[in-house]
Amino acid sequence: METFWTGFGSLFSGDISLTSRTYLWMFFIYGLGVFFEPIHDRIRRENFFIRGLIWVSLIYLIEFSTGFFLDKVVGACPWNYLTKTKFTLFGYIRFDYFPAWFIAGLLFEKYHDFLDKKVFNKDKKNESME
């Protein structure tokens, strides 16, 4: 997802080769998404707007805390946004990414349900009735 996002973003900078960039740290940071599964199961009956707000809040929490951690331990946050926008919190999160994270969170729900149904043969509707 990150390589798609940064590669597509490079197009807007005039790079028609669609060069993308990520960090090895992201493997571990995105891996924290596994903790979102039980949250999705708990909030699935909420209004989409509430769910979207929850996802943005959780994503910002992880992005801020891991960025802060890397900054303190390694000496730099790999995605320092301070030079890119004024809509940032200490360079760790971008407030102008709110709509993107809102939509991404809701898409992650669909992907989670797809994996449960097609890969793990789980049906959340039947499980919730038991």
Protein backbone atom coordinates (compact mmCIF):
# COMPACT_ATOMS: atom_id res chain seq x y z
CA MET A 1 0.00 0.00 0.00
CA GLU A 2 2.78 2.40 0.89
CA THR A 3 4.69 1.77 -2.32
CA PHE A 4 1.52 2.40 -4.31
CA TRP A 5 0.82 5.63 -2.38
CA THR A 6 4.34 7.04 -2.71
CA GLY A 7 4.72 5.82 -6.29
CA PHE A 8 1.45 7.39 -7.35
CA GLY A 9 2.37 10.54 -5.41
CA SER A 10 5.63 10.84 -7.36
CA LEU A 11 3.53 11.26 -10.50
CA PHE A 12 2.24 14.54 -9.07
CA SER A 13 5.86 15.65 -8.70
CA GLY A 14 6.46 15.02 -12.38
CA ASP A 15 8.13 11.62 -11.98
CA ILE A 16 6.45 9.53 -14.69
CA SER A 17 8.51 6.49 -13.67
CA LEU A 18 6.33 6.38 -10.53
CA THR A 19 9.29 5.99 -8.18
CA SER A 20 8.14 4.91 -4.75
CA ARG A 21 9.87 4.85 -1.41
CA THR A 22 9.34 3.16 1.92
CA TYR A 23 11.31 2.12 5.00
CA LEU A 24 12.06 -1.27 6.47
CA TRP A 25 10.59 0.06 9.72
CA MET A 26 7.19 0.13 8.01
CA PHE A 27 7.09 -3.67 7.92
CA PHE A 28 6.89 -3.71 11.72
CA ILE A 29 4.69 -0.63 12.01
CA TYR A 30 2.09 -1.91 9.54
CA GLY A 31 2.29 -5.24 11.34
CA LEU A 32 0.68 -3.51 14.31
CA GLY A 33 -2.51 -3.57 12.23
CA VAL A 34 -3.08 -7.09 13.51
CA PHE A 35 -4.33 -5.46 16.71
CA PHE A 36 -7.10 -3.76 14.72
CA GLU A 37 -8.90 -7.05 14.01
CA PRO A 38 -10.64 -7.34 17.40
CA ILE A 39 -11.47 -3.64 17.27
CA HIS A 40 -13.16 -4.10 13.90
CA ASP A 41 -15.18 -6.97 15.33
CA ARG A 42 -16.34 -4.75 18.23
CA ILE A 43 -17.27 -1.68 16.18
CA ARG A 44 -18.70 -3.33 13.05
CA ARG A 45 -22.28 -2.35 13.96
CA GLU A 46 -21.44 1.32 14.41
CA ASN A 47 -22.27 3.98 11.84
CA PHE A 48 -19.61 4.26 9.10
CA PHE A 49 -18.77 7.80 10.21
CA ILE A 50 -18.05 6.68 13.78
CA ARG A 51 -15.99 3.73 12.51
CA GLY A 52 -14.03 6.02 10.19
CA LEU A 53 -13.26 8.38 13.09
CA ILE A 54 -12.10 5.46 15.20
CA TRP A 55 -9.79 4.24 12.41
CA VAL A 56 -8.29 7.68 11.86
CA SER A 57 -7.71 8.06 15.60
CA LEU A 58 -6.03 4.67 15.88
CA ILE A 59 -3.90 5.20 12.78
CA TYR A 60 -2.82 8.62 14.03
CA LEU A 61 -2.03 7.12 17.44
CA ILE A 62 0.20 4.45 15.89
CA GLU A 63 1.77 6.88 13.42
CA PHE A 64 2.53 9.42 16.13
CA SER A 65 3.80 6.96 18.73
CA THR A 66 5.99 4.99 16.34
CA GLY A 67 7.31 8.18 14.74
CA PHE A 68 8.11 9.60 18.16
CA PHE A 69 9.74 6.31 19.21
CA LEU A 70 11.92 6.12 16.10
CA ASP A 71 12.87 9.77 16.45
CA LYS A 72 14.05 9.18 20.02
CA VAL A 73 15.72 5.80 19.46
CA VAL A 74 17.14 6.15 15.95
CA GLY A 75 17.45 9.92 15.89
CA ALA A 76 14.98 10.59 13.07
CA CYS A 77 11.44 9.85 12.07
CA PRO A 78 11.59 8.39 8.56
CA TRP A 79 8.42 10.19 7.43
CA ASN A 80 9.15 13.62 8.90
CA TYR A 81 6.33 15.80 7.53
CA LEU A 82 7.65 19.11 8.88
CA THR A 83 9.11 20.12 5.52
CA LYS A 84 6.07 18.99 3.54
CA THR A 85 3.10 20.66 5.20
CA LYS A 86 2.05 22.95 8.01
CA PHE A 87 -0.83 20.60 8.88
CA THR A 88 1.24 18.32 11.07
CA LEU A 89 1.75 17.41 14.69
CA PHE A 90 5.50 17.59 15.36
CA GLY A 91 6.11 16.13 11.91
CA TYR A 92 4.79 12.70 12.94
CA ILE A 93 1.23 12.86 11.56
CA ARG A 94 -0.38 14.85 8.77
CA PHE A 95 -3.83 16.24 9.43
CA ASP A 96 -4.41 16.72 5.71
CA TYR A 97 -4.22 12.91 5.37
CA PHE A 98 -7.39 12.62 7.48
CA PRO A 99 -9.65 11.81 4.48
CA ALA A 100 -7.19 9.24 3.14
CA TRP A 101 -6.92 7.46 6.49
CA PHE A 102 -10.70 7.64 6.97
CA ILE A 103 -11.27 5.87 3.66
CA ALA A 104 -8.36 3.47 4.21
CA GLY A 105 -9.78 2.39 7.57
CA LEU A 106 -13.14 1.57 6.00
CA LEU A 107 -11.43 -0.27 3.13
CA PHE A 108 -9.39 -2.26 5.66
CA GLU A 109 -12.69 -3.42 7.16
CA LYS A 110 -13.78 -4.77 3.77
CA TYR A 111 -10.42 -6.47 3.31
CA HIS A 112 -10.64 -7.96 6.81
CA ASP A 113 -14.11 -9.36 6.05
CA PHE A 114 -12.90 -10.70 2.69
CA LEU A 115 -9.98 -12.51 4.36
CA ASP A 116 -12.24 -13.92 7.06
CA LYS A 117 -14.76 -15.22 4.55
CA LYS A 118 -12.60 -16.38 1.64
CA VAL A 119 -9.31 -17.30 3.30
CA PHE A 120 -10.21 -18.32 6.84
CA ASN A 121 -13.76 -19.52 6.07
CA LYS A 122 -15.31 -17.46 8.86
CA ASP A 123 -18.73 -15.87 8.62
CA LYS A 124 -19.05 -12.99 11.10
CA LYS A 125 -22.86 -12.88 10.78
CA ASN A 126 -23.21 -16.52 11.81
CA GLU A 127 -20.63 -16.17 14.60
CA SER A 128 -22.43 -13.20 16.12
CA MET A 129 -25.70 -15.17 16.27
CA GLU A 130 -24.19 -18.05 18.21
